[in-house]
Amino acid sequence: NTERISLVSSFAASLFLGDYAPIDHSD
């Protein structure tokens, strides 16, 4: 039932973006 798995970092970015944010290379 999961549509997207975020890291804490990309989850936080999603709150600012208003959309799913990508995971960055370093994390």
mmCIF file of all heavy atoms, coordinates in Angstrom:
data_MODEL
# 
_entry.id   MODEL 
# 
loop_
_atom_site.group_PDB 
_atom_site.id 
_atom_site.type_symbol 
_atom_site.label_atom_id 
_atom_site.label_alt_id 
_atom_site.label_comp_id 
_atom_site.label_asym_id 
_atom_site.label_entity_id 
_atom_site.label_seq_id 
_atom_site.pdbx_PDB_ins_code 
_atom_site.Cartn_x 
_atom_site.Cartn_y 
_atom_site.Cartn_z 
_atom_site.occupancy 
_atom_site.B_iso_or_equiv 
_atom_site.pdbx_formal_charge 
_atom_site.auth_seq_id 
_atom_site.auth_comp_id 
_atom_site.auth_asym_id 
_atom_site.auth_atom_id 
_atom_site.pdbx_PDB_model_num 
ATOM 1   N N   . ASN A 1 1  ? 0.817  -1.210 0.000  1.00 0.00 ? 1  ASN A N   1 
ATOM 2   C CA  . ASN A 1 1  ? 0.000  0.000  0.000  1.00 0.00 ? 1  ASN A CA  1 
ATOM 3   C C   . ASN A 1 1  ? 0.855  1.267  0.000  1.00 0.00 ? 1  ASN A C   1 
ATOM 4   O O   . ASN A 1 1  ? 0.350  2.362  0.156  1.00 0.00 ? 1  ASN A O   1 
ATOM 5   C CB  . ASN A 1 1  ? -0.937 0.016  1.227  1.00 0.00 ? 1  ASN A CB  1 
ATOM 6   C CG  . ASN A 1 1  ? -2.039 1.045  1.112  1.00 0.00 ? 1  ASN A CG  1 
ATOM 7   O OD1 . ASN A 1 1  ? -2.492 1.371  0.017  1.00 0.00 ? 1  ASN A OD1 1 
ATOM 8   N ND2 . ASN A 1 1  ? -2.465 1.591  2.246  1.00 0.00 ? 1  ASN A ND2 1 
ATOM 9   N N   . THR A 1 2  ? 2.172  1.094  -0.168 1.00 0.00 ? 2  THR A N   1 
ATOM 10  C CA  . THR A 1 2  ? 3.095  2.233  -0.167 1.00 0.00 ? 2  THR A CA  1 
ATOM 11  C C   . THR A 1 2  ? 3.315  2.740  -1.585 1.00 0.00 ? 2  THR A C   1 
ATOM 12  O O   . THR A 1 2  ? 3.675  1.979  -2.482 1.00 0.00 ? 2  THR A O   1 
ATOM 13  C CB  . THR A 1 2  ? 4.451  1.833  0.460  1.00 0.00 ? 2  THR A CB  1 
ATOM 14  O OG1 . THR A 1 2  ? 4.242  1.491  1.824  1.00 0.00 ? 2  THR A OG1 1 
ATOM 15  C CG2 . THR A 1 2  ? 5.452  2.975  0.370  1.00 0.00 ? 2  THR A CG2 1 
ATOM 16  N N   . GLU A 1 3  ? 3.098  4.030  -1.762 1.00 0.00 ? 3  GLU A N   1 
ATOM 17  C CA  . GLU A 1 3  ? 3.268  4.674  -3.070 1.00 0.00 ? 3  GLU A CA  1 
ATOM 18  C C   . GLU A 1 3  ? 4.693  5.188  -3.256 1.00 0.00 ? 3  GLU A C   1 
ATOM 19  O O   . GLU A 1 3  ? 5.258  5.101  -4.353 1.00 0.00 ? 3  GLU A O   1 
ATOM 20  C CB  . GLU A 1 3  ? 2.281  5.846  -3.154 1.00 0.00 ? 3  GLU A CB  1 
ATOM 21  C CG  . GLU A 1 3  ? 2.272  6.615  -4.443 1.00 0.00 ? 3  GLU A CG  1 
ATOM 22  C CD  . GLU A 1 3  ? 1.127  7.618  -4.453 1.00 0.00 ? 3  GLU A CD  1 
ATOM 23  O OE1 . GLU A 1 3  ? 1.252  8.689  -3.806 1.00 0.00 ? 3  GLU A OE1 1 
ATOM 24  O OE2 . GLU A 1 3  ? 0.085  7.313  -5.077 1.00 0.00 ? 3  GLU A OE2 1 
ATOM 25  N N   . ARG A 1 4  ? 5.284  5.719  -2.195 1.00 0.00 ? 4  ARG A N   1 
ATOM 26  C CA  . ARG A 1 4  ? 6.646  6.253  -2.249 1.00 0.00 ? 4  ARG A CA  1 
ATOM 27  C C   . ARG A 1 4  ? 7.338  6.013  -0.906 1.00 0.00 ? 4  ARG A C   1 
ATOM 28  O O   . ARG A 1 4  ? 6.717  6.178  0.140  1.00 0.00 ? 4  ARG A O   1 
ATOM 29  C CB  . ARG A 1 4  ? 6.628  7.756  -2.556 1.00 0.00 ? 4  ARG A CB  1 
ATOM 30  C CG  . ARG A 1 4  ? 7.992  8.466  -2.508 1.00 0.00 ? 4  ARG A CG  1 
ATOM 31  C CD  . ARG A 1 4  ? 8.963  7.938  -3.536 1.00 0.00 ? 4  ARG A CD  1 
ATOM 32  N NE  . ARG A 1 4  ? 8.608  8.268  -4.900 1.00 0.00 ? 4  ARG A NE  1 
ATOM 33  C CZ  . ARG A 1 4  ? 9.126  9.276  -5.605 1.00 0.00 ? 4  ARG A CZ  1 
ATOM 34  N NH1 . ARG A 1 4  ? 10.046 10.039 -5.063 1.00 0.00 ? 4  ARG A NH1 1 
ATOM 35  N NH2 . ARG A 1 4  ? 8.738  9.496  -6.839 1.00 0.00 ? 4  ARG A NH2 1 
ATOM 36  N N   . ILE A 1 5  ? 8.603  5.601  -0.987 1.00 0.00 ? 5  ILE A N   1 
ATOM 37  C CA  . ILE A 1 5  ? 9.431  5.492  0.204  1.00 0.00 ? 5  ILE A CA  1 
ATOM 38  C C   . ILE A 1 5  ? 10.431 6.640  0.181  1.00 0.00 ? 5  ILE A C   1 
ATOM 39  O O   . ILE A 1 5  ? 11.176 6.801  -0.793 1.00 0.00 ? 5  ILE A O   1 
ATOM 40  C CB  . ILE A 1 5  ? 10.185 4.143  0.272  1.00 0.00 ? 5  ILE A CB  1 
ATOM 41  C CG1 . ILE A 1 5  ? 9.186  2.982  0.314  1.00 0.00 ? 5  ILE A CG1 1 
ATOM 42  C CG2 . ILE A 1 5  ? 11.101 4.100  1.496  1.00 0.00 ? 5  ILE A CG2 1 
ATOM 43  C CD1 . ILE A 1 5  ? 9.832  1.602  0.211  1.00 0.00 ? 5  ILE A CD1 1 
ATOM 44  N N   . SER A 1 6  ? 10.402 7.451  1.239  1.00 0.00 ? 6  SER A N   1 
ATOM 45  C CA  . SER A 1 6  ? 11.330 8.575  1.366  1.00 0.00 ? 6  SER A CA  1 
ATOM 46  C C   . SER A 1 6  ? 12.332 8.288  2.474  1.00 0.00 ? 6  SER A C   1 
ATOM 47  O O   . SER A 1 6  ? 12.039 7.545  3.414  1.00 0.00 ? 6  SER A O   1 
ATOM 48  C CB  . SER A 1 6  ? 10.583 9.869  1.722  1.00 0.00 ? 6  SER A CB  1 
ATOM 49  O OG  . SER A 1 6  ? 9.686  10.264 0.714  1.00 0.00 ? 6  SER A OG  1 
ATOM 50  N N   . LEU A 1 7  ? 13.496 8.879  2.374  1.00 0.00 ? 7  LEU A N   1 
ATOM 51  C CA  . LEU A 1 7  ? 14.356 9.020  3.535  1.00 0.00 ? 7  LEU A CA  1 
ATOM 52  C C   . LEU A 1 7  ? 13.851 10.206 4.336  1.00 0.00 ? 7  LEU A C   1 
ATOM 53  O O   . LEU A 1 7  ? 13.029 11.001 3.858  1.00 0.00 ? 7  LEU A O   1 
ATOM 54  C CB  . LEU A 1 7  ? 15.804 9.253  3.101  1.00 0.00 ? 7  LEU A CB  1 
ATOM 55  C CG  . LEU A 1 7  ? 16.461 8.121  2.314  1.00 0.00 ? 7  LEU A CG  1 
ATOM 56  C CD1 . LEU A 1 7  ? 17.896 8.479  1.955  1.00 0.00 ? 7  LEU A CD1 1 
ATOM 57  C CD2 . LEU A 1 7  ? 16.415 6.814  3.089  1.00 0.00 ? 7  LEU A CD2 1 
ATOM 58  N N   . VAL A 1 8  ? 14.306 10.351 5.570  1.00 0.00 ? 8  VAL A N   1 
ATOM 59  C CA  . VAL A 1 8  ? 13.864 11.501 6.365  1.00 0.00 ? 8  VAL A CA  1 
ATOM 60  C C   . VAL A 1 8  ? 14.182 12.791 5.623  1.00 0.00 ? 8  VAL A C   1 
ATOM 61  O O   . VAL A 1 8  ? 13.390 13.741 5.622  1.00 0.00 ? 8  VAL A O   1 
ATOM 62  C CB  . VAL A 1 8  ? 14.509 11.486 7.766  1.00 0.00 ? 8  VAL A CB  1 
ATOM 63  C CG1 . VAL A 1 8  ? 14.099 12.724 8.569  1.00 0.00 ? 8  VAL A CG1 1 
ATOM 64  C CG2 . VAL A 1 8  ? 14.123 10.221 8.528  1.00 0.00 ? 8  VAL A CG2 1 
ATOM 65  N N   . SER A 1 9  ? 15.338 12.824 4.959  1.00 0.00 ? 9  SER A N   1 
ATOM 66  C CA  . SER A 1 9  ? 15.732 14.037 4.230  1.00 0.00 ? 9  SER A CA  1 
ATOM 67  C C   . SER A 1 9  ? 14.768 14.347 3.085  1.00 0.00 ? 9  SER A C   1 
ATOM 68  O O   . SER A 1 9  ? 14.282 15.477 2.958  1.00 0.00 ? 9  SER A O   1 
ATOM 69  C CB  . SER A 1 9  ? 17.163 13.898 3.698  1.00 0.00 ? 9  SER A CB  1 
ATOM 70  O OG  . SER A 1 9  ? 17.289 12.742 2.888  1.00 0.00 ? 9  SER A OG  1 
ATOM 71  N N   . SER A 1 10 ? 14.469 13.362 2.239  1.00 0.00 ? 10 SER A N   1 
ATOM 72  C CA  . SER A 1 10 ? 13.586 13.634 1.094  1.00 0.00 ? 10 SER A CA  1 
ATOM 73  C C   . SER A 1 10 ? 12.131 13.811 1.544  1.00 0.00 ? 10 SER A C   1 
ATOM 74  O O   . SER A 1 10 ? 11.358 14.524 0.898  1.00 0.00 ? 10 SER A O   1 
ATOM 75  C CB  . SER A 1 10 ? 13.702 12.527 0.046  1.00 0.00 ? 10 SER A CB  1 
ATOM 76  O OG  . SER A 1 10 ? 13.373 11.258 0.576  1.00 0.00 ? 10 SER A OG  1 
ATOM 77  N N   . PHE A 1 11 ? 11.750 13.174 2.658  1.00 0.00 ? 11 PHE A N   1 
ATOM 78  C CA  . PHE A 1 11 ? 10.439 13.422 3.256  1.00 0.00 ? 11 PHE A CA  1 
ATOM 79  C C   . PHE A 1 11 ? 10.315 14.887 3.653  1.00 0.00 ? 11 PHE A C   1 
ATOM 80  O O   . PHE A 1 11 ? 9.318  15.556 3.361  1.00 0.00 ? 11 PHE A O   1 
ATOM 81  C CB  . PHE A 1 11 ? 10.254 12.510 4.471  1.00 0.00 ? 11 PHE A CB  1 
ATOM 82  C CG  . PHE A 1 11 ? 9.249  12.997 5.478  1.00 0.00 ? 11 PHE A CG  1 
ATOM 83  C CD1 . PHE A 1 11 ? 7.889  12.862 5.240  1.00 0.00 ? 11 PHE A CD1 1 
ATOM 84  C CD2 . PHE A 1 11 ? 9.664  13.593 6.666  1.00 0.00 ? 11 PHE A CD2 1 
ATOM 85  C CE1 . PHE A 1 11 ? 6.955  13.316 6.176  1.00 0.00 ? 11 PHE A CE1 1 
ATOM 86  C CE2 . PHE A 1 11 ? 8.751  14.037 7.596  1.00 0.00 ? 11 PHE A CE2 1 
ATOM 87  C CZ  . PHE A 1 11 ? 7.394  13.908 7.358  1.00 0.00 ? 11 PHE A CZ  1 
ATOM 88  N N   . ALA A 1 12 ? 11.337 15.410 4.342  1.00 0.00 ? 12 ALA A N   1 
ATOM 89  C CA  . ALA A 1 12 ? 11.306 16.813 4.769  1.00 0.00 ? 12 ALA A CA  1 
ATOM 90  C C   . ALA A 1 12 ? 11.240 17.744 3.566  1.00 0.00 ? 12 ALA A C   1 
ATOM 91  O O   . ALA A 1 12 ? 10.485 18.725 3.551  1.00 0.00 ? 12 ALA A O   1 
ATOM 92  C CB  . ALA A 1 12 ? 12.531 17.121 5.621  1.00 0.00 ? 12 ALA A CB  1 
ATOM 93  N N   . ALA A 1 13 ? 12.018 17.428 2.523  1.00 0.00 ? 13 ALA A N   1 
ATOM 94  C CA  . ALA A 1 13 ? 11.982 18.244 1.306  1.00 0.00 ? 13 ALA A CA  1 
ATOM 95  C C   . ALA A 1 13 ? 10.596 18.222 0.676  1.00 0.00 ? 13 ALA A C   1 
ATOM 96  O O   . ALA A 1 13 ? 10.130 19.224 0.123  1.00 0.00 ? 13 ALA A O   1 
ATOM 97  C CB  . ALA A 1 13 ? 13.030 17.744 0.315  1.00 0.00 ? 13 ALA A CB  1 
ATOM 98  N N   . SER A 1 14 ? 9.907  17.077 0.766  1.00 0.00 ? 14 SER A N   1 
ATOM 99  C CA  . SER A 1 14 ? 8.565  16.958 0.186  1.00 0.00 ? 14 SER A CA  1 
ATOM 100 C C   . SER A 1 14 ? 7.580  17.912 0.854  1.00 0.00 ? 14 SER A C   1 
ATOM 101 O O   . SER A 1 14 ? 6.663  18.426 0.200  1.00 0.00 ? 14 SER A O   1 
ATOM 102 C CB  . SER A 1 14 ? 8.065  15.515 0.334  1.00 0.00 ? 14 SER A CB  1 
ATOM 103 O OG  . SER A 1 14 ? 8.923  14.598 -0.312 1.00 0.00 ? 14 SER A OG  1 
ATOM 104 N N   . LEU A 1 15 ? 7.761  18.160 2.150  1.00 0.00 ? 15 LEU A N   1 
ATOM 105 C CA  . LEU A 1 15 ? 6.875  19.086 2.859  1.00 0.00 ? 15 LEU A CA  1 
ATOM 106 C C   . LEU A 1 15 ? 7.017  20.501 2.316  1.00 0.00 ? 15 LEU A C   1 
ATOM 107 O O   . LEU A 1 15 ? 6.058  21.278 2.328  1.00 0.00 ? 15 LEU A O   1 
ATOM 108 C CB  . LEU A 1 15 ? 7.169  19.058 4.362  1.00 0.00 ? 15 LEU A CB  1 
ATOM 109 C CG  . LEU A 1 15 ? 7.004  17.710 5.070  1.00 0.00 ? 15 LEU A CG  1 
ATOM 110 C CD1 . LEU A 1 15 ? 7.277  17.848 6.558  1.00 0.00 ? 15 LEU A CD1 1 
ATOM 111 C CD2 . LEU A 1 15 ? 5.619  17.109 4.820  1.00 0.00 ? 15 LEU A CD2 1 
ATOM 112 N N   . PHE A 1 16 ? 8.208  20.866 1.874  1.00 0.00 ? 16 PHE A N   1 
ATOM 113 C CA  . PHE A 1 16 ? 8.422  22.197 1.297  1.00 0.00 ? 16 PHE A CA  1 
ATOM 114 C C   . PHE A 1 16 ? 7.997  22.244 -0.159 1.00 0.00 ? 16 PHE A C   1 
ATOM 115 O O   . PHE A 1 16 ? 7.496  23.257 -0.643 1.00 0.00 ? 16 PHE A O   1 
ATOM 116 C CB  . PHE A 1 16 ? 9.905  22.574 1.400  1.00 0.00 ? 16 PHE A CB  1 
ATOM 117 C CG  . PHE A 1 16 ? 10.355 22.920 2.787  1.00 0.00 ? 16 PHE A CG  1 
ATOM 118 C CD1 . PHE A 1 16 ? 10.986 21.970 3.580  1.00 0.00 ? 16 PHE A CD1 1 
ATOM 119 C CD2 . PHE A 1 16 ? 10.149 24.189 3.306  1.00 0.00 ? 16 PHE A CD2 1 
ATOM 120 C CE1 . PHE A 1 16 ? 11.396 22.286 4.865  1.00 0.00 ? 16 PHE A CE1 1 
ATOM 121 C CE2 . PHE A 1 16 ? 10.555 24.513 4.587  1.00 0.00 ? 16 PHE A CE2 1 
ATOM 122 C CZ  . PHE A 1 16 ? 11.178 23.566 5.372  1.00 0.00 ? 16 PHE A CZ  1 
ATOM 123 N N   . LEU A 1 17 ? 8.191  21.150 -0.871 1.00 0.00 ? 17 LEU A N   1 
ATOM 124 C CA  . LEU A 1 17 ? 7.955  21.113 -2.307 1.00 0.00 ? 17 LEU A CA  1 
ATOM 125 C C   . LEU A 1 17 ? 6.476  20.943 -2.653 1.00 0.00 ? 17 LEU A C   1 
ATOM 126 O O   . LEU A 1 17 ? 6.026  21.365 -3.719 1.00 0.00 ? 17 LEU A O   1 
ATOM 127 C CB  . LEU A 1 17 ? 8.769  19.958 -2.895 1.00 0.00 ? 17 LEU A CB  1 
ATOM 128 C CG  . LEU A 1 17 ? 9.090  19.950 -4.371 1.00 0.00 ? 17 LEU A CG  1 
ATOM 129 C CD1 . LEU A 1 17 ? 9.921  21.171 -4.749 1.00 0.00 ? 17 LEU A CD1 1 
ATOM 130 C CD2 . LEU A 1 17 ? 9.874  18.670 -4.713 1.00 0.00 ? 17 LEU A CD2 1 
ATOM 131 N N   . GLY A 1 18 ? 5.716  20.284 -1.733 1.00 0.00 ? 18 GLY A N   1 
ATOM 132 C CA  . GLY A 1 18 ? 4.331  19.973 -2.051 1.00 0.00 ? 18 GLY A CA  1 
ATOM 133 C C   . GLY A 1 18 ? 4.234  18.866 -3.084 1.00 0.00 ? 18 GLY A C   1 
ATOM 134 O O   . GLY A 1 18 ? 3.268  18.770 -3.847 1.00 0.00 ? 18 GLY A O   1 
ATOM 135 N N   . ASP A 1 19 ? 5.213  18.000 -3.098 1.00 0.00 ? 19 ASP A N   1 
ATOM 136 C CA  . ASP A 1 19 ? 5.264  16.865 -4.023 1.00 0.00 ? 19 ASP A CA  1 
ATOM 137 C C   . ASP A 1 19 ? 6.360  15.940 -3.511 1.00 0.00 ? 19 ASP A C   1 
ATOM 138 O O   . ASP A 1 19 ? 7.177  16.339 -2.679 1.00 0.00 ? 19 ASP A O   1 
ATOM 139 C CB  . ASP A 1 19 ? 5.584  17.341 -5.441 1.00 0.00 ? 19 ASP A CB  1 
ATOM 140 C CG  . ASP A 1 19 ? 5.251  16.298 -6.516 1.00 0.00 ? 19 ASP A CG  1 
ATOM 141 O OD1 . ASP A 1 19 ? 4.820  15.182 -6.148 1.00 0.00 ? 19 ASP A OD1 1 
ATOM 142 O OD2 . ASP A 1 19 ? 5.437  16.606 -7.701 1.00 0.00 ? 19 ASP A OD2 1 
ATOM 143 N N   . TYR A 1 20 ? 6.393  14.719 -4.021 1.00 0.00 ? 20 TYR A N   1 
ATOM 144 C CA  . TYR A 1 20 ? 7.455  13.823 -3.594 1.00 0.00 ? 20 TYR A CA  1 
ATOM 145 C C   . TYR A 1 20 ? 8.812  14.359 -4.067 1.00 0.00 ? 20 TYR A C   1 
ATOM 146 O O   . TYR A 1 20 ? 9.010  14.596 -5.265 1.00 0.00 ? 20 TYR A O   1 
ATOM 147 C CB  . TYR A 1 20 ? 7.239  12.422 -4.144 1.00 0.00 ? 20 TYR A CB  1 
ATOM 148 C CG  . TYR A 1 20 ? 6.047  11.704 -3.563 1.00 0.00 ? 20 TYR A CG  1 
ATOM 149 C CD1 . TYR A 1 20 ? 5.336  10.782 -4.322 1.00 0.00 ? 20 TYR A CD1 1 
ATOM 150 C CD2 . TYR A 1 20 ? 5.625  11.943 -2.253 1.00 0.00 ? 20 TYR A CD2 1 
ATOM 151 C CE1 . TYR A 1 20 ? 4.235  10.105 -3.798 1.00 0.00 ? 20 TYR A CE1 1 
ATOM 152 C CE2 . TYR A 1 20 ? 4.531  11.280 -1.728 1.00 0.00 ? 20 TYR A CE2 1 
ATOM 153 C CZ  . TYR A 1 20 ? 3.839  10.369 -2.495 1.00 0.00 ? 20 TYR A CZ  1 
ATOM 154 O OH  . TYR A 1 20 ? 2.757  9.705  -1.974 1.00 0.00 ? 20 TYR A OH  1 
ATOM 155 N N   . ALA A 1 21 ? 9.720  14.524 -3.136 1.00 0.00 ? 21 ALA A N   1 
ATOM 156 C CA  . ALA A 1 21 ? 11.065 14.992 -3.458 1.00 0.00 ? 21 ALA A CA  1 
ATOM 157 C C   . ALA A 1 21 ? 11.973 13.789 -3.709 1.00 0.00 ? 21 ALA A C   1 
ATOM 158 O O   . ALA A 1 21 ? 11.819 12.743 -3.073 1.00 0.00 ? 21 ALA A O   1 
ATOM 159 C CB  . ALA A 1 21 ? 11.620 15.841 -2.318 1.00 0.00 ? 21 ALA A CB  1 
ATOM 160 N N   . PRO A 1 22 ? 12.926 13.917 -4.605 1.00 0.00 ? 22 PRO A N   1 
ATOM 161 C CA  . PRO A 1 22 ? 13.848 12.801 -4.865 1.00 0.00 ? 22 PRO A CA  1 
ATOM 162 C C   . PRO A 1 22 ? 14.849 12.618 -3.726 1.00 0.00 ? 22 PRO A C   1 
ATOM 163 O O   . PRO A 1 22 ? 15.150 13.545 -2.973 1.00 0.00 ? 22 PRO A O   1 
ATOM 164 C CB  . PRO A 1 22 ? 14.556 13.233 -6.151 1.00 0.00 ? 22 PRO A CB  1 
ATOM 165 C CG  . PRO A 1 22 ? 14.493 14.733 -6.130 1.00 0.00 ? 22 PRO A CG  1 
ATOM 166 C CD  . PRO A 1 22 ? 13.189 15.079 -5.470 1.00 0.00 ? 22 PRO A CD  1 
ATOM 167 N N   . ILE A 1 23 ? 15.338 11.406 -3.613 1.00 0.00 ? 23 ILE A N   1 
ATOM 168 C CA  . ILE A 1 23 ? 16.440 11.105 -2.689 1.00 0.00 ? 23 ILE A CA  1 
ATOM 169 C C   . ILE A 1 23 ? 17.732 11.589 -3.331 1.00 0.00 ? 23 ILE A C   1 
ATOM 170 O O   . ILE A 1 23 ? 17.955 11.399 -4.524 1.00 0.00 ? 23 ILE A O   1 
ATOM 171 C CB  . ILE A 1 23 ? 16.502 9.586  -2.423 1.00 0.00 ? 23 ILE A CB  1 
ATOM 172 C CG1 . ILE A 1 23 ? 15.275 9.141  -1.616 1.00 0.00 ? 23 ILE A CG1 1 
ATOM 173 C CG2 . ILE A 1 23 ? 17.792 9.198  -1.701 1.00 0.00 ? 23 ILE A CG2 1 
ATOM 174 C CD1 . ILE A 1 23 ? 15.125 7.639  -1.486 1.00 0.00 ? 23 ILE A CD1 1 
ATOM 175 N N   . ASP A 1 24 ? 18.578 12.247 -2.546 1.00 0.00 ? 24 ASP A N   1 
ATOM 176 C CA  . ASP A 1 24 ? 19.833 12.735 -3.116 1.00 0.00 ? 24 ASP A CA  1 
ATOM 177 C C   . ASP A 1 24 ? 20.906 11.645 -3.049 1.00 0.00 ? 24 ASP A C   1 
ATOM 178 O O   . ASP A 1 24 ? 20.800 10.689 -2.276 1.00 0.00 ? 24 ASP A O   1 
ATOM 179 C CB  . ASP A 1 24 ? 20.306 13.999 -2.373 1.00 0.00 ? 24 ASP A CB  1 
ATOM 180 C CG  . ASP A 1 24 ? 21.152 13.672 -1.172 1.00 0.00 ? 24 ASP A CG  1 
ATOM 181 O OD1 . ASP A 1 24 ? 20.586 13.131 -0.195 1.00 0.00 ? 24 ASP A OD1 1 
ATOM 182 O OD2 . ASP A 1 24 ? 22.364 13.912 -1.199 1.00 0.00 ? 24 ASP A OD2 1 
ATOM 183 N N   . HIS A 1 25 ? 21.939 11.804 -3.836 1.00 0.00 ? 25 HIS A N   1 
ATOM 184 C CA  . HIS A 1 25 ? 22.988 10.791 -3.924 1.00 0.00 ? 25 HIS A CA  1 
ATOM 185 C C   . HIS A 1 25 ? 23.687 10.544 -2.593 1.00 0.00 ? 25 HIS A C   1 
ATOM 186 O O   . HIS A 1 25 ? 23.967 9.398  -2.231 1.00 0.00 ? 25 HIS A O   1 
ATOM 187 C CB  . HIS A 1 25 ? 24.039 11.199 -4.967 1.00 0.00 ? 25 HIS A CB  1 
ATOM 188 C CG  . HIS A 1 25 ? 23.534 11.186 -6.367 1.00 0.00 ? 25 HIS A CG  1 
ATOM 189 N ND1 . HIS A 1 25 ? 24.136 11.887 -7.394 1.00 0.00 ? 25 HIS A ND1 1 
ATOM 190 C CD2 . HIS A 1 25 ? 22.477 10.544 -6.933 1.00 0.00 ? 25 HIS A CD2 1 
ATOM 191 C CE1 . HIS A 1 25 ? 23.482 11.681 -8.523 1.00 0.00 ? 25 HIS A CE1 1 
ATOM 192 N NE2 . HIS A 1 25 ? 22.463 10.881 -8.268 1.00 0.00 ? 25 HIS A NE2 1 
ATOM 193 N N   . SER A 1 26 ? 23.988 11.613 -1.845 1.00 0.00 ? 26 SER A N   1 
ATOM 194 C CA  . SER A 1 26 ? 24.789 11.420 -0.631 1.00 0.00 ? 26 SER A CA  1 
ATOM 195 C C   . SER A 1 26 ? 24.019 10.653 0.432  1.00 0.00 ? 26 SER A C   1 
ATOM 196 O O   . SER A 1 26 ? 24.568 9.766  1.083  1.00 0.00 ? 26 SER A O   1 
ATOM 197 C CB  . SER A 1 26 ? 25.263 12.773 -0.082 1.00 0.00 ? 26 SER A CB  1 
ATOM 198 O OG  . SER A 1 26 ? 24.201 13.520 0.453  1.00 0.00 ? 26 SER A OG  1 
ATOM 199 N N   . ASP A 1 27 ? 22.741 10.960 0.617  1.00 0.00 ? 27 ASP A N   1 
ATOM 200 C CA  . ASP A 1 27 ? 21.939 10.215 1.590  1.00 0.00 ? 27 ASP A CA  1 
ATOM 201 C C   . ASP A 1 27 ? 21.569 8.844  1.038  1.00 0.00 ? 27 ASP A C   1 
ATOM 202 O O   . ASP A 1 27 ? 21.476 7.860  1.770  1.00 0.00 ? 27 ASP A O   1 
ATOM 203 C CB  . ASP A 1 27 ? 20.676 11.008 1.954  1.00 0.00 ? 27 ASP A CB  1 
ATOM 204 C CG  . ASP A 1 27 ? 20.219 10.742 3.386  1.00 0.00 ? 27 ASP A CG  1 
ATOM 205 O OD1 . ASP A 1 27 ? 20.931 10.041 4.128  1.00 0.00 ? 27 ASP A OD1 1 
ATOM 206 O OD2 . ASP A 1 27 ? 19.150 11.253 3.769  1.00 0.00 ? 27 ASP A OD2 1 
# 
